[in-house]
Amino acid sequence: MINKWVDEGHEVFVVTGRPFDSYEPSRRWLDEHHLNRLPIYFVDKYGREMFKQDHTYNLTLEELYCMHFDFAIEDSPAAFEHVQHFKDCKVAGMIVHGTSRWNFQMKAL
């Protein structure tokens, strides 16, 4: 489905709160799952990073909030507060716990 969105001309990004130094294993995982066309952004949403590495895809919260998204899928209920900063962004939530998934109703923020 995600690659279909890219094929249709949609810009699709992966945004994560993982540490900046997890870029390589995260990139490898995306590539292994045929998502090599997706850029991945690492956001220091909790101020844990001691320094900003010189990488295009490392963002502060302020930089993230300057971006525009039409649709977001969030897998962390604790991170929903960050998605609420995007005007007119529709959000679908998904919690992944083991092999079980619970989906939340999509809503406009």
Protein backbone atom coordinates (compact mmCIF):
# COMPACT_ATOMS: atom_id res chain seq x y z
CA MET A 1 0.00 0.00 0.00
CA ILE A 2 2.73 2.49 0.92
CA ASN A 3 4.62 1.98 -2.33
CA LYS A 4 1.35 2.44 -4.21
CA TRP A 5 0.99 5.88 -2.61
CA VAL A 6 4.51 6.75 -3.78
CA ASP A 7 3.72 5.45 -7.28
CA GLU A 8 0.64 7.69 -7.34
CA GLY A 9 2.83 10.71 -6.65
CA HIS A 10 2.22 11.17 -2.93
CA GLU A 11 5.13 12.24 -0.76
CA VAL A 12 5.51 9.64 1.98
CA PHE A 13 7.88 10.05 4.93
CA VAL A 14 8.73 7.94 7.94
CA VAL A 15 9.07 10.06 11.07
CA THR A 16 10.37 8.45 14.24
CA GLY A 17 11.36 9.42 17.74
CA ARG A 18 14.14 6.84 17.77
CA PRO A 19 17.64 8.09 18.62
CA PHE A 20 19.57 9.68 15.77
CA ASP A 21 22.18 6.94 15.87
CA SER A 22 19.59 4.30 14.93
CA TYR A 23 19.54 5.56 11.33
CA GLU A 24 21.49 2.65 9.81
CA PRO A 25 19.43 -0.24 11.26
CA SER A 26 16.18 1.66 10.58
CA ARG A 27 17.20 2.41 7.00
CA ARG A 28 18.22 -1.22 6.51
CA TRP A 29 14.84 -2.45 7.84
CA LEU A 30 12.93 -0.15 5.48
CA ASP A 31 15.08 -1.24 2.53
CA GLU A 32 14.61 -4.93 3.35
CA HIS A 33 10.84 -4.37 3.36
CA HIS A 34 10.88 -2.70 -0.07
CA LEU A 35 10.43 0.81 1.35
CA ASN A 36 13.74 2.10 0.04
CA ARG A 37 12.09 5.15 -1.59
CA LEU A 38 10.93 6.54 1.75
CA PRO A 39 13.01 9.13 3.56
CA ILE A 40 13.18 8.61 7.30
CA TYR A 41 13.28 11.53 9.74
CA PHE A 42 14.53 11.20 13.30
CA VAL A 43 12.98 13.71 15.69
CA ASP A 44 14.47 14.56 19.05
CA LYS A 45 11.00 14.90 20.56
CA TYR A 46 12.12 14.49 24.16
CA GLY A 47 15.35 16.51 24.09
CA ARG A 48 17.47 13.40 24.66
CA GLU A 49 20.05 13.95 21.95
CA MET A 50 23.22 15.56 23.28
CA PHE A 51 24.07 17.06 19.90
CA LYS A 52 22.50 17.25 16.49
CA GLN A 53 24.40 15.04 14.10
CA ASP A 54 25.13 16.56 10.74
CA HIS A 55 22.46 14.66 8.85
CA THR A 56 19.63 15.96 6.70
CA TYR A 57 17.04 13.78 8.39
CA ASN A 58 17.71 14.66 12.04
CA LEU A 59 15.10 17.13 13.25
CA THR A 60 14.22 19.10 16.34
CA LEU A 61 10.56 19.32 17.32
CA GLU A 62 10.50 22.90 16.04
CA GLU A 63 11.74 21.75 12.62
CA LEU A 64 9.14 18.98 12.54
CA TYR A 65 6.35 21.42 13.39
CA CYS A 66 7.31 23.53 10.35
CA MET A 67 6.57 20.61 8.02
CA HIS A 68 3.16 19.96 6.45
CA PHE A 69 1.38 16.61 6.42
CA ASP A 70 -2.05 15.75 5.04
CA PHE A 71 -2.19 12.36 6.73
CA ALA A 72 -0.27 10.71 9.56
CA ILE A 73 -0.20 7.23 11.05
CA GLU A 74 0.91 7.27 14.67
CA ASP A 75 1.86 4.13 16.60
CA SER A 76 2.48 5.76 19.97
CA PRO A 77 -0.40 7.23 21.97
CA ALA A 78 2.15 9.24 23.94
CA ALA A 79 3.27 10.93 20.72
CA PHE A 80 -0.19 12.06 19.58
CA GLU A 81 0.46 15.45 21.18
CA HIS A 82 3.12 16.07 18.53
CA VAL A 83 0.82 15.19 15.63
CA GLN A 84 -1.75 17.71 16.83
CA HIS A 85 0.52 20.53 15.67
CA PHE A 86 -0.23 19.77 12.02
CA LYS A 87 -3.17 21.82 10.79
CA ASP A 88 -5.78 19.88 8.80
CA CYS A 89 -3.84 16.63 9.18
CA LYS A 90 -5.90 13.47 9.33
CA VAL A 91 -4.52 10.92 11.77
CA ALA A 92 -4.85 7.16 12.07
CA GLY A 93 -3.40 5.55 15.15
CA MET A 94 -2.09 2.03 15.44
CA ILE A 95 -0.63 0.35 18.48
CA VAL A 96 1.60 -2.62 17.74
CA HIS A 97 2.06 -4.97 20.69
CA GLY A 98 3.59 -8.30 19.80
CA THR A 99 1.56 -9.54 16.86
CA SER A 100 -1.70 -7.80 17.86
CA ARG A 101 -2.76 -4.49 16.37
CA TRP A 102 -5.47 -2.14 17.45
CA ASN A 103 -6.55 0.61 15.10
CA PHE A 104 -8.07 3.88 16.13
CA GLN A 105 -10.63 5.88 14.17
CA MET A 106 -9.11 8.41 11.81
CA LYS A 107 -9.93 11.98 12.74
CA ALA A 108 -9.09 15.49 11.63
CA LEU A 109 -7.13 17.56 14.08
